[in-house]
Amino acid sequence: MEQMEFAFMNSRRNQGSSTDQGWETKCWEKPAEEVVKINYDSSSVGGSKSAGCGGTIRNHKGDGLGGFVNKIGYCPPLQAEAWGLLRSIQLVKHLGFKNIVLEGDSTQLTRIFRDGAATRTPILNIVQACKKELRIMESWRLATIPRETNAVADRMTKASRYYPKGFHLLSQPPIDISNLMELDRLGCPNWCFMYNQG
């Protein structure tokens, strides 16, 4: 609490005439009933030398329904993000869910998914596999969300570096990720100090 109060006081002192500054809250949003949401993300350590992806599935109450980590190995960051999307779709398909929302924080991947790419690339191949996997779904939506609301998937992704290479299905998340999921379930906001140039 003291740190938050100090941050607010400091932000007021630092306001300038040419910059509009302020705090914004970003919250993870629960899906509608009969819909599950899977948040996914990817990470790379040392450039592309050690990449991984991960994700978690939650229902309309914010309860966890399972998740995964996938240690990929050498892989460019955007390609790892594409693998995270594909593994997420394959997981909800395996678990029998038909109405899904997929959320990640890569606007570039969402744009490729929507518009395609000028040349044939491994990323485009993975995206096309995603579209084929989605054909059996009754309803689906792919959304890009702020990084601040994707903290659970980000933490799952970072956990992948401690697993052997390959895909690992998790029925229960690690304890630190469970704590983040509880904060999301309760609707606790993530505070972000925004600098908007005027």
N, C-alpha and C. Protein backbone atom coordinates (compact mmCIF):
# COMPACT_ATOMS: atom_id res chain seq x y z
N MET A 1 0.83 -1.20 0.00
CA MET A 1 0.00 0.00 0.00
C MET A 1 0.86 1.25 0.00
N GLU A 2 1.92 1.26 0.80
CA GLU A 2 2.80 2.42 0.83
C GLU A 2 3.46 2.64 -0.52
N GLN A 3 3.84 1.55 -1.20
CA GLN A 3 4.47 1.68 -2.51
C GLN A 3 3.49 2.27 -3.52
N MET A 4 2.21 1.83 -3.44
CA MET A 4 1.21 2.36 -4.36
C MET A 4 0.97 3.84 -4.11
N GLU A 5 0.86 4.24 -2.84
CA GLU A 5 0.66 5.65 -2.52
C GLU A 5 1.85 6.48 -2.99
N PHE A 6 3.05 5.98 -2.82
CA PHE A 6 4.24 6.70 -3.26
C PHE A 6 4.24 6.86 -4.78
N ALA A 7 3.81 5.81 -5.48
CA ALA A 7 3.78 5.87 -6.94
C ALA A 7 2.81 6.93 -7.42
N PHE A 8 1.62 6.98 -6.80
CA PHE A 8 0.64 7.99 -7.19
C PHE A 8 1.17 9.39 -6.91
N MET A 9 1.78 9.59 -5.73
CA MET A 9 2.32 10.91 -5.38
C MET A 9 3.43 11.30 -6.35
N ASN A 10 4.29 10.34 -6.70
CA ASN A 10 5.39 10.61 -7.60
C ASN A 10 4.88 10.96 -9.00
N SER A 11 3.79 10.30 -9.43
CA SER A 11 3.25 10.57 -10.76
C SER A 11 2.71 11.99 -10.84
N ARG A 12 2.13 12.49 -9.74
CA ARG A 12 1.61 13.85 -9.75
C ARG A 12 2.75 14.86 -9.84
N ARG A 13 3.84 14.59 -9.13
CA ARG A 13 4.98 15.50 -9.15
C ARG A 13 5.62 15.57 -10.53
N ASN A 14 5.60 14.42 -11.25
CA ASN A 14 6.32 14.35 -12.51
C ASN A 14 5.51 14.78 -13.72
N GLN A 15 4.27 15.19 -13.53
CA GLN A 15 3.46 15.58 -14.66
C GLN A 15 4.02 16.83 -15.32
N GLY A 16 4.08 16.83 -16.65
CA GLY A 16 4.59 17.98 -17.39
C GLY A 16 3.53 18.52 -18.31
N SER A 17 3.75 19.68 -18.87
CA SER A 17 2.76 20.33 -19.70
C SER A 17 2.57 19.64 -21.03
N SER A 18 3.62 18.93 -21.54
CA SER A 18 3.53 18.32 -22.87
C SER A 18 3.16 16.85 -22.84
N THR A 19 2.96 16.29 -21.65
CA THR A 19 2.68 14.86 -21.55
C THR A 19 1.46 14.62 -20.68
N ASP A 20 0.52 13.84 -21.21
CA ASP A 20 -0.67 13.47 -20.44
C ASP A 20 -0.38 12.14 -19.76
N GLN A 21 -0.31 12.15 -18.44
CA GLN A 21 0.06 10.96 -17.69
C GLN A 21 -1.11 10.52 -16.82
N GLY A 22 -1.21 9.23 -16.58
CA GLY A 22 -2.27 8.77 -15.69
C GLY A 22 -2.22 7.28 -15.48
N TRP A 23 -2.95 6.84 -14.47
CA TRP A 23 -3.03 5.42 -14.15
C TRP A 23 -4.24 4.82 -14.86
N GLU A 24 -4.06 3.62 -15.37
CA GLU A 24 -5.15 2.85 -15.94
C GLU A 24 -5.15 1.46 -15.32
N THR A 25 -6.34 0.88 -15.20
CA THR A 25 -6.43 -0.49 -14.69
C THR A 25 -6.76 -1.44 -15.83
N LYS A 26 -6.13 -2.59 -15.81
CA LYS A 26 -6.37 -3.63 -16.79
C LYS A 26 -6.73 -4.90 -16.04
N CYS A 27 -7.88 -5.48 -16.36
CA CYS A 27 -8.34 -6.69 -15.67
C CYS A 27 -8.57 -7.82 -16.66
N TRP A 28 -8.26 -9.03 -16.22
CA TRP A 28 -8.64 -10.21 -16.99
C TRP A 28 -10.15 -10.37 -16.90
N GLU A 29 -10.80 -10.66 -18.03
CA GLU A 29 -12.25 -10.76 -18.07
C GLU A 29 -12.68 -12.21 -18.21
N LYS A 30 -13.68 -12.61 -17.42
CA LYS A 30 -14.21 -13.97 -17.49
C LYS A 30 -15.01 -14.15 -18.77
N PRO A 31 -15.00 -15.36 -19.32
CA PRO A 31 -15.83 -15.62 -20.50
C PRO A 31 -17.29 -15.77 -20.12
N ALA A 32 -18.15 -15.81 -21.13
CA ALA A 32 -19.57 -16.04 -20.89
C ALA A 32 -19.80 -17.49 -20.47
N GLU A 33 -20.97 -17.76 -19.92
CA GLU A 33 -21.31 -19.14 -19.56
C GLU A 33 -21.30 -20.00 -20.82
N GLU A 34 -21.00 -21.27 -20.65
CA GLU A 34 -20.90 -22.24 -21.74
C GLU A 34 -19.70 -21.98 -22.66
N VAL A 35 -18.84 -21.05 -22.25
CA VAL A 35 -17.64 -20.74 -23.03
C VAL A 35 -16.43 -20.90 -22.12
N VAL A 36 -15.34 -21.41 -22.66
CA VAL A 36 -14.08 -21.45 -21.92
C VAL A 36 -13.09 -20.52 -22.59
N LYS A 37 -12.21 -19.98 -21.79
CA LYS A 37 -11.19 -19.07 -22.31
C LYS A 37 -9.82 -19.68 -22.05
N ILE A 38 -8.98 -19.65 -23.06
CA ILE A 38 -7.61 -20.08 -22.88
C ILE A 38 -6.68 -18.92 -23.21
N ASN A 39 -5.88 -18.58 -22.24
CA ASN A 39 -4.85 -17.56 -22.43
C ASN A 39 -3.53 -18.26 -22.71
N TYR A 40 -2.83 -17.78 -23.71
CA TYR A 40 -1.56 -18.40 -24.10
C TYR A 40 -0.49 -17.32 -24.27
N ASP A 41 0.76 -17.75 -24.23
CA ASP A 41 1.87 -16.82 -24.41
C ASP A 41 3.11 -17.63 -24.78
N SER A 42 4.19 -16.92 -25.09
CA SER A 42 5.46 -17.58 -25.39
C SER A 42 6.59 -16.75 -24.80
N SER A 43 7.75 -17.35 -24.71
CA SER A 43 8.92 -16.62 -24.23
C SER A 43 10.17 -17.24 -24.85
N SER A 44 11.19 -16.42 -24.93
CA SER A 44 12.48 -16.88 -25.46
C SER A 44 13.59 -16.41 -24.55
N VAL A 45 14.56 -17.27 -24.33
CA VAL A 45 15.72 -16.93 -23.52
C VAL A 45 16.94 -16.96 -24.43
N GLY A 46 17.72 -15.88 -24.40
CA GLY A 46 18.90 -15.82 -25.25
C GLY A 46 18.55 -15.74 -26.72
N GLY A 47 17.60 -14.81 -27.04
CA GLY A 47 17.16 -14.69 -28.42
C GLY A 47 16.22 -15.82 -28.76
N SER A 48 16.62 -16.69 -29.68
CA SER A 48 15.77 -17.81 -30.08
C SER A 48 16.30 -19.15 -29.60
N LYS A 49 17.32 -19.14 -28.75
CA LYS A 49 18.01 -20.38 -28.40
C LYS A 49 17.17 -21.31 -27.53
N SER A 50 16.34 -20.76 -26.66
CA SER A 50 15.52 -21.58 -25.78
C SER A 50 14.14 -20.95 -25.67
N ALA A 51 13.21 -21.46 -26.45
CA ALA A 51 11.86 -20.90 -26.49
C ALA A 51 10.86 -21.89 -25.90
N GLY A 52 9.75 -21.34 -25.44
CA GLY A 52 8.69 -22.16 -24.90
C GLY A 52 7.37 -21.43 -25.01
N CYS A 53 6.29 -22.15 -24.77
CA CYS A 53 4.97 -21.53 -24.75
C CYS A 53 4.15 -22.22 -23.67
N GLY A 54 3.05 -21.61 -23.32
CA GLY A 54 2.20 -22.17 -22.28
C GLY A 54 0.84 -21.52 -22.30
N GLY A 55 -0.10 -22.12 -21.58
CA GLY A 55 -1.43 -21.55 -21.53
C GLY A 55 -2.27 -22.20 -20.44
N THR A 56 -3.39 -21.57 -20.15
CA THR A 56 -4.29 -22.10 -19.13
C THR A 56 -5.74 -21.89 -19.54
N ILE A 57 -6.60 -22.84 -19.23
CA ILE A 57 -8.02 -22.79 -19.58
C ILE A 57 -8.82 -22.45 -18.34
N ARG A 58 -9.78 -21.52 -18.49
CA ARG A 58 -10.65 -21.14 -17.38
C ARG A 58 -12.10 -21.01 -17.84
N ASN A 59 -13.02 -21.24 -16.91
CA ASN A 59 -14.44 -21.16 -17.25
C ASN A 59 -15.02 -19.79 -16.88
N HIS A 60 -16.35 -19.67 -16.94
CA HIS A 60 -17.01 -18.39 -16.72
C HIS A 60 -16.90 -17.91 -15.27
N LYS A 61 -16.51 -18.80 -14.37
CA LYS A 61 -16.29 -18.40 -12.98
C LYS A 61 -14.83 -18.04 -12.71
N GLY A 62 -13.99 -18.25 -13.69
CA GLY A 62 -12.56 -18.01 -13.50
C GLY A 62 -11.82 -19.20 -12.93
N ASP A 63 -12.50 -20.35 -12.82
CA ASP A 63 -11.87 -21.56 -12.29
C ASP A 63 -10.98 -22.20 -13.35
N GLY A 64 -9.81 -22.69 -12.92
CA GLY A 64 -8.91 -23.34 -13.84
C GLY A 64 -9.39 -24.72 -14.24
N LEU A 65 -9.29 -25.04 -15.53
CA LEU A 65 -9.74 -26.33 -16.06
C LEU A 65 -8.58 -27.13 -16.65
N GLY A 66 -7.38 -26.63 -16.49
CA GLY A 66 -6.22 -27.32 -17.03
C GLY A 66 -5.31 -26.32 -17.74
N GLY A 67 -4.14 -26.80 -18.09
CA GLY A 67 -3.19 -25.94 -18.77
C GLY A 67 -2.07 -26.76 -19.36
N PHE A 68 -1.09 -26.07 -19.93
CA PHE A 68 0.03 -26.78 -20.54
C PHE A 68 1.27 -25.89 -20.54
N VAL A 69 2.41 -26.56 -20.61
CA VAL A 69 3.68 -25.91 -20.93
C VAL A 69 4.31 -26.73 -22.04
N ASN A 70 5.01 -26.03 -22.92
CA ASN A 70 5.64 -26.70 -24.06
C ASN A 70 7.02 -26.11 -24.26
N LYS A 71 8.06 -26.87 -23.91
CA LYS A 71 9.42 -26.42 -24.14
C LYS A 71 9.79 -26.77 -25.57
N ILE A 72 10.07 -25.75 -26.37
CA ILE A 72 10.28 -25.93 -27.80
C ILE A 72 11.74 -26.13 -28.15
N GLY A 73 12.61 -25.36 -27.52
CA GLY A 73 14.02 -25.35 -27.92
C GLY A 73 14.27 -24.18 -28.84
N TYR A 74 15.11 -24.36 -29.84
CA TYR A 74 15.42 -23.25 -30.75
C TYR A 74 14.18 -22.89 -31.57
N CYS A 75 13.79 -21.60 -31.50
CA CYS A 75 12.60 -21.16 -32.22
C CYS A 75 12.53 -19.64 -32.16
N PRO A 76 12.28 -18.95 -33.27
CA PRO A 76 12.09 -17.50 -33.24
C PRO A 76 10.88 -17.14 -32.37
N PRO A 77 10.90 -15.98 -31.72
CA PRO A 77 9.83 -15.61 -30.77
C PRO A 77 8.42 -15.65 -31.35
N LEU A 78 8.20 -15.07 -32.54
CA LEU A 78 6.85 -15.06 -33.11
C LEU A 78 6.39 -16.46 -33.48
N GLN A 79 7.32 -17.29 -33.92
CA GLN A 79 6.96 -18.68 -34.23
C GLN A 79 6.57 -19.42 -32.96
N ALA A 80 7.27 -19.14 -31.86
CA ALA A 80 6.91 -19.75 -30.57
C ALA A 80 5.51 -19.32 -30.15
N GLU A 81 5.15 -18.06 -30.42
CA GLU A 81 3.81 -17.57 -30.11
C GLU A 81 2.76 -18.34 -30.93
N ALA A 82 3.09 -18.60 -32.19
CA ALA A 82 2.18 -19.37 -33.04
C ALA A 82 2.01 -20.79 -32.52
N TRP A 83 3.10 -21.39 -32.05
CA TRP A 83 3.00 -22.72 -31.45
C TRP A 83 2.10 -22.68 -30.21
N GLY A 84 2.19 -21.60 -29.42
CA GLY A 84 1.33 -21.47 -28.25
C GLY A 84 -0.13 -21.45 -28.62
N LEU A 85 -0.47 -20.76 -29.70
CA LEU A 85 -1.86 -20.72 -30.17
C LEU A 85 -2.31 -22.10 -30.64
N LEU A 86 -1.47 -22.78 -31.43
CA LEU A 86 -1.85 -24.10 -31.93
C LEU A 86 -2.01 -25.10 -30.79
N ARG A 87 -1.07 -25.12 -29.85
CA ARG A 87 -1.19 -26.07 -28.73
C ARG A 87 -2.42 -25.76 -27.88
N SER A 88 -2.78 -24.50 -27.77
CA SER A 88 -3.98 -24.13 -27.01
C SER A 88 -5.23 -24.70 -27.67
N ILE A 89 -5.32 -24.54 -28.98
CA ILE A 89 -6.48 -25.07 -29.71
C ILE A 89 -6.53 -26.58 -29.60
N GLN A 90 -5.39 -27.23 -29.74
CA GLN A 90 -5.36 -28.69 -29.66
C GLN A 90 -5.74 -29.18 -28.26
N LEU A 91 -5.38 -28.41 -27.23
CA LEU A 91 -5.73 -28.82 -25.87
C LEU A 91 -7.22 -28.73 -25.62
N VAL A 92 -7.85 -27.62 -26.01
CA VAL A 92 -9.30 -27.50 -25.77
C VAL A 92 -10.06 -28.52 -26.62
N LYS A 93 -9.53 -28.83 -27.79
CA LYS A 93 -10.14 -29.86 -28.63
C LYS A 93 -10.04 -31.22 -27.94
N HIS A 94 -8.88 -31.54 -27.39
CA HIS A 94 -8.66 -32.79 -26.68
C HIS A 94 -9.59 -32.92 -25.47
N LEU A 95 -9.84 -31.82 -24.79
CA LEU A 95 -10.69 -31.84 -23.60
C LEU A 95 -12.18 -31.76 -23.92
N GLY A 96 -12.52 -31.59 -25.18
CA GLY A 96 -13.91 -31.65 -25.60
C GLY A 96 -14.69 -30.35 -25.55
N PHE A 97 -14.00 -29.24 -25.43
CA PHE A 97 -14.70 -27.95 -25.40
C PHE A 97 -15.00 -27.51 -26.84
N LYS A 98 -16.18 -26.93 -27.04
CA LYS A 98 -16.62 -26.55 -28.38
C LYS A 98 -16.81 -25.05 -28.57
N ASN A 99 -16.92 -24.31 -27.46
CA ASN A 99 -17.12 -22.86 -27.53
C ASN A 99 -15.98 -22.20 -26.77
N ILE A 100 -15.11 -21.51 -27.50
CA ILE A 100 -13.86 -21.06 -26.89
C ILE A 100 -13.52 -19.62 -27.25
N VAL A 101 -12.77 -18.99 -26.36
CA VAL A 101 -12.13 -17.71 -26.62
C VAL A 101 -10.64 -17.92 -26.43
N LEU A 102 -9.86 -17.48 -27.38
CA LEU A 102 -8.40 -17.59 -27.33
C LEU A 102 -7.82 -16.19 -27.17
N GLU A 103 -7.00 -16.01 -26.14
CA GLU A 103 -6.42 -14.69 -25.89
C GLU A 103 -4.91 -14.77 -25.78
N GLY A 104 -4.23 -13.90 -26.54
CA GLY A 104 -2.79 -13.75 -26.47
C GLY A 104 -2.46 -12.27 -26.56
N ASP A 105 -1.19 -11.94 -26.38
CA ASP A 105 -0.82 -10.52 -26.38
C ASP A 105 0.04 -10.12 -27.57
N SER A 106 0.03 -10.94 -28.63
CA SER A 106 0.80 -10.62 -29.83
C SER A 106 -0.11 -10.07 -30.93
N THR A 107 -0.07 -8.77 -31.16
CA THR A 107 -0.85 -8.18 -32.23
C THR A 107 -0.35 -8.65 -33.60
N GLN A 108 0.94 -8.92 -33.69
CA GLN A 108 1.52 -9.37 -34.97
C GLN A 108 0.97 -10.73 -35.37
N LEU A 109 0.88 -11.65 -34.40
CA LEU A 109 0.34 -12.98 -34.71
C LEU A 109 -1.13 -12.88 -35.08
N THR A 110 -1.89 -12.08 -34.37
CA THR A 110 -3.31 -11.91 -34.69
C THR A 110 -3.48 -11.35 -36.09
N ARG A 111 -2.61 -10.43 -36.49
CA ARG A 111 -2.69 -9.85 -37.82
C ARG A 111 -2.39 -10.90 -38.89
N ILE A 112 -1.39 -11.75 -38.65
CA ILE A 112 -1.08 -12.82 -39.61
C ILE A 112 -2.24 -13.80 -39.69
N PHE A 113 -2.84 -14.11 -38.56
CA PHE A 113 -3.99 -15.02 -38.53
C PHE A 113 -5.14 -14.45 -39.36
N ARG A 114 -5.35 -13.15 -39.25
CA ARG A 114 -6.47 -12.51 -39.94
C ARG A 114 -6.18 -12.26 -41.42
N ASP A 115 -4.97 -11.77 -41.72
CA ASP A 115 -4.67 -11.29 -43.07
C ASP A 115 -3.74 -12.21 -43.87
N GLY A 116 -3.11 -13.17 -43.20
CA GLY A 116 -2.15 -14.01 -43.89
C GLY A 116 -0.80 -13.31 -44.00
N ALA A 117 0.09 -13.88 -44.81
CA ALA A 117 1.42 -13.32 -45.01
C ALA A 117 1.77 -13.37 -46.49
N ALA A 118 2.67 -12.49 -46.89
CA ALA A 118 3.02 -12.38 -48.31
C ALA A 118 3.76 -13.61 -48.81
N THR A 119 4.55 -14.22 -47.97
CA THR A 119 5.34 -15.38 -48.37
C THR A 119 5.07 -16.56 -47.45
N ARG A 120 5.36 -17.74 -47.95
CA ARG A 120 5.17 -18.96 -47.17
C ARG A 120 6.25 -19.03 -46.09
N THR A 121 5.84 -19.11 -44.85
CA THR A 121 6.78 -19.18 -43.73
C THR A 121 6.32 -20.26 -42.76
N PRO A 122 7.20 -20.74 -41.89
CA PRO A 122 6.77 -21.70 -40.87
C PRO A 122 5.62 -21.15 -40.02
N ILE A 123 5.64 -19.85 -39.73
CA ILE A 123 4.57 -19.25 -38.93
C ILE A 123 3.24 -19.38 -39.66
N LEU A 124 3.22 -19.08 -40.94
CA LEU A 124 1.98 -19.19 -41.72
C LEU A 124 1.48 -20.62 -41.75
N ASN A 125 2.40 -21.58 -41.86
CA ASN A 125 2.01 -22.99 -41.83
C ASN A 125 1.32 -23.35 -40.52
N ILE A 126 1.87 -22.85 -39.40
CA ILE A 126 1.28 -23.12 -38.09
C ILE A 126 -0.09 -22.46 -37.98
N VAL A 127 -0.21 -21.23 -38.47
CA VAL A 127 -1.49 -20.52 -38.43
C VAL A 127 -2.55 -21.26 -39.24
N GLN A 128 -2.16 -21.78 -40.39
CA GLN A 128 -3.12 -22.54 -41.19
C GLN A 128 -3.55 -23.82 -40.48
N ALA A 129 -2.63 -24.44 -39.75
CA ALA A 129 -2.99 -25.61 -38.94
C ALA A 129 -3.99 -25.22 -37.86
N CYS A 130 -3.80 -24.04 -37.27
CA CYS A 130 -4.75 -23.53 -36.26
C CYS A 130 -6.15 -23.42 -36.85
N LYS A 131 -6.24 -22.86 -38.04
CA LYS A 131 -7.54 -22.66 -38.67
C LYS A 131 -8.23 -23.99 -38.96
N LYS A 132 -7.44 -24.99 -39.37
CA LYS A 132 -8.01 -26.31 -39.64
C LYS A 132 -8.51 -26.95 -38.35
N GLU A 133 -7.75 -26.79 -37.26
CA GLU A 133 -8.16 -27.35 -35.97
C GLU A 133 -9.45 -26.69 -35.46
N LEU A 134 -9.65 -25.43 -35.80
CA LEU A 134 -10.81 -24.68 -35.31
C LEU A 134 -12.11 -25.04 -36.04
N ARG A 135 -12.01 -25.78 -37.12
CA ARG A 135 -13.20 -26.09 -37.91
C ARG A 135 -14.25 -26.88 -37.14
N ILE A 136 -13.81 -27.67 -36.16
CA ILE A 136 -14.77 -28.50 -35.43
C ILE A 136 -15.45 -27.73 -34.29
N MET A 137 -14.99 -26.51 -34.02
CA MET A 137 -15.57 -25.74 -32.93
C MET A 137 -16.94 -25.19 -33.32
N GLU A 138 -17.85 -25.13 -32.35
CA GLU A 138 -19.14 -24.52 -32.61
C GLU A 138 -19.02 -23.00 -32.67
N SER A 139 -18.17 -22.45 -31.81
CA SER A 139 -17.90 -21.02 -31.86
C SER A 139 -16.50 -20.77 -31.31
N TRP A 140 -15.83 -19.77 -31.87
CA TRP A 140 -14.50 -19.42 -31.38
C TRP A 140 -14.22 -17.95 -31.69
N ARG A 141 -13.35 -17.38 -30.89
CA ARG A 141 -12.93 -16.00 -31.10
C ARG A 141 -11.48 -15.85 -30.68
N LEU A 142 -10.70 -15.19 -31.50
CA LEU A 142 -9.30 -14.92 -31.21
C LEU A 142 -9.16 -13.44 -30.90
N ALA A 143 -8.59 -13.12 -29.74
CA ALA A 143 -8.47 -11.73 -29.32
C ALA A 143 -7.05 -11.43 -28.87
N THR A 144 -6.66 -10.18 -29.08
CA THR A 144 -5.38 -9.68 -28.56
C THR A 144 -5.68 -8.84 -27.33
N ILE A 145 -4.96 -9.11 -26.25
CA ILE A 145 -5.20 -8.41 -25.00
C ILE A 145 -3.90 -7.75 -24.51
N PRO A 146 -4.01 -6.77 -23.62
CA PRO A 146 -2.78 -6.16 -23.07
C PRO A 146 -1.95 -7.18 -22.32
N ARG A 147 -0.65 -7.01 -22.37
CA ARG A 147 0.25 -7.93 -21.69
C ARG A 147 -0.06 -8.02 -20.20
N GLU A 148 -0.52 -6.90 -19.62
CA GLU A 148 -0.79 -6.88 -18.18
C GLU A 148 -1.90 -7.84 -17.77
N THR A 149 -2.82 -8.15 -18.68
CA THR A 149 -3.92 -9.06 -18.34
C THR A 149 -3.62 -10.50 -18.75
N ASN A 150 -2.41 -10.74 -19.24
CA ASN A 150 -2.02 -12.08 -19.67
C ASN A 150 -0.94 -12.66 -18.76
N ALA A 151 -0.93 -12.21 -17.51
CA ALA A 151 0.14 -12.59 -16.58
C ALA A 151 0.18 -14.08 -16.29
N VAL A 152 -0.99 -14.72 -16.22
CA VAL A 152 -1.02 -16.16 -15.91
C VAL A 152 -0.34 -16.95 -17.03
N ALA A 153 -0.71 -16.65 -18.27
CA ALA A 153 -0.08 -17.36 -19.40
C ALA A 153 1.40 -17.04 -19.49
N ASP A 154 1.76 -15.81 -19.20
CA ASP A 154 3.17 -15.43 -19.21
C ASP A 154 3.97 -16.25 -18.20
N ARG A 155 3.41 -16.44 -17.01
CA ARG A 155 4.09 -17.21 -15.98
C ARG A 155 4.15 -18.70 -16.35
N MET A 156 3.09 -19.22 -16.97
CA MET A 156 3.10 -20.61 -17.42
C MET A 156 4.21 -20.81 -18.46
N THR A 157 4.33 -19.83 -19.35
CA THR A 157 5.35 -19.91 -20.39
C THR A 157 6.75 -19.93 -19.80
N LYS A 158 7.00 -19.06 -18.85
CA LYS A 158 8.32 -19.01 -18.21
C LYS A 158 8.62 -20.31 -17.47
N ALA A 159 7.56 -20.97 -16.97
CA ALA A 159 7.76 -22.25 -16.27
C ALA A 159 8.22 -23.35 -17.21
N SER A 160 7.97 -23.18 -18.52
CA SER A 160 8.31 -24.24 -19.47
C SER A 160 9.81 -24.53 -19.51
N ARG A 161 10.63 -23.54 -19.15
CA ARG A 161 12.09 -23.74 -19.23
C ARG A 161 12.58 -24.75 -18.21
N TYR A 162 11.75 -25.07 -17.20
CA TYR A 162 12.15 -26.03 -16.16
C TYR A 162 11.64 -27.44 -16.46
N TYR A 163 10.99 -27.62 -17.61
CA TYR A 163 10.48 -28.93 -18.00
C TYR A 163 11.35 -29.52 -19.12
N PRO A 164 11.31 -30.84 -19.29
CA PRO A 164 12.01 -31.43 -20.43
C PRO A 164 11.38 -30.93 -21.74
N LYS A 165 12.11 -31.04 -22.80
CA LYS A 165 11.62 -30.58 -24.09
C LYS A 165 10.36 -31.36 -24.48
N GLY A 166 9.36 -30.63 -24.99
CA GLY A 166 8.12 -31.25 -25.41
C GLY A 166 6.91 -30.66 -24.71
N PHE A 167 5.76 -31.27 -24.97
CA PHE A 167 4.46 -30.80 -24.45
C PHE A 167 4.15 -31.49 -23.13
N HIS A 168 3.67 -30.71 -22.16
CA HIS A 168 3.31 -31.25 -20.85
C HIS A 168 1.94 -30.72 -20.43
N LEU A 169 0.99 -31.63 -20.25
CA LEU A 169 -0.35 -31.27 -19.81
C LEU A 169 -0.36 -31.15 -18.29
N LEU A 170 -0.92 -30.07 -17.78
CA LEU A 170 -0.97 -29.82 -16.34
C LEU A 170 -2.42 -29.77 -15.87
N SER A 171 -2.77 -30.67 -14.97
CA SER A 171 -4.12 -30.64 -14.40
C SER A 171 -4.24 -29.56 -13.33
N GLN A 172 -3.12 -29.26 -12.66
CA GLN A 172 -3.07 -28.21 -11.65
C GLN A 172 -1.88 -27.30 -11.92
N PRO A 173 -2.08 -26.00 -11.87
CA PRO A 173 -0.96 -25.09 -12.10
C PRO A 173 -0.04 -25.03 -10.89
N PRO A 174 1.21 -24.62 -11.07
CA PRO A 174 2.10 -24.38 -9.92
C PRO A 174 1.48 -23.36 -8.97
N ILE A 175 1.89 -23.39 -7.72
CA ILE A 175 1.25 -22.59 -6.68
C ILE A 175 1.31 -21.10 -6.96
N ASP A 176 2.44 -20.61 -7.49
CA ASP A 176 2.53 -19.17 -7.76
C ASP A 176 1.57 -18.75 -8.86
N ILE A 177 1.32 -19.65 -9.82
CA ILE A 177 0.37 -19.35 -10.89
C ILE A 177 -1.05 -19.44 -10.35
N SER A 178 -1.30 -20.35 -9.42
CA SER A 178 -2.62 -20.43 -8.78
C SER A 178 -2.97 -19.12 -8.09
N ASN A 179 -1.98 -18.50 -7.47
CA ASN A 179 -2.22 -17.22 -6.80
C ASN A 179 -2.61 -16.14 -7.81
N LEU A 180 -1.94 -16.11 -8.96
CA LEU A 180 -2.29 -15.15 -10.01
C LEU A 180 -3.70 -15.41 -10.54
N MET A 181 -4.05 -16.68 -10.71
CA MET A 181 -5.38 -17.03 -11.19
C MET A 181 -6.46 -16.59 -10.22
N GLU A 182 -6.17 -16.67 -8.93
CA GLU A 182 -7.14 -16.24 -7.93
C GLU A 182 -7.35 -14.73 -8.00
N LEU A 183 -6.28 -13.98 -8.21
CA LEU A 183 -6.41 -12.54 -8.37
C LEU A 183 -7.25 -12.20 -9.59
N ASP A 184 -7.04 -12.92 -10.69
CA ASP A 184 -7.86 -12.72 -11.89
C ASP A 184 -9.31 -13.06 -11.60
N ARG A 185 -9.54 -14.16 -10.92
CA ARG A 185 -10.91 -14.61 -10.63
C ARG A 185 -11.67 -13.58 -9.81
N LEU A 186 -10.97 -12.92 -8.89
CA LEU A 186 -11.59 -11.91 -8.04
C LEU A 186 -11.74 -10.56 -8.74
N GLY A 187 -11.16 -10.45 -9.93
CA GLY A 187 -11.27 -9.20 -10.66
C GLY A 187 -10.30 -8.13 -10.20
N CYS A 188 -9.21 -8.55 -9.56
CA CYS A 188 -8.24 -7.57 -9.10
C CYS A 188 -7.52 -6.94 -10.29
N PRO A 189 -7.44 -5.61 -10.32
CA PRO A 189 -6.84 -4.94 -11.48
C PRO A 189 -5.32 -4.94 -11.42
N ASN A 190 -4.73 -4.83 -12.58
CA ASN A 190 -3.31 -4.58 -12.72
C ASN A 190 -3.15 -3.10 -13.06
N TRP A 191 -2.42 -2.38 -12.23
CA TRP A 191 -2.26 -0.95 -12.43
C TRP A 191 -1.10 -0.68 -13.38
N CYS A 192 -1.35 0.18 -14.36
CA CYS A 192 -0.34 0.54 -15.34
C CYS A 192 -0.26 2.06 -15.43
N PHE A 193 0.95 2.58 -15.33
CA PHE A 193 1.12 4.02 -15.46
C PHE A 193 1.39 4.33 -16.92
N MET A 194 0.49 5.07 -17.54
CA MET A 194 0.51 5.30 -18.98
C MET A 194 1.05 6.70 -19.29
N TYR A 195 1.94 6.77 -20.27
CA TYR A 195 2.46 8.03 -20.79
C TYR A 195 1.92 8.21 -22.20
N ASN A 196 1.07 9.18 -22.38
CA ASN A 196 0.52 9.46 -23.70
C ASN A 196 1.01 10.81 -24.18
N GLN A 197 1.79 10.80 -25.21
CA GLN A 197 2.32 12.05 -25.74
C GLN A 197 1.23 12.86 -26.41
N GLY A 198 1.14 14.11 -26.04
CA GLY A 198 0.12 14.99 -26.60
C GLY A 198 0.61 15.66 -27.87
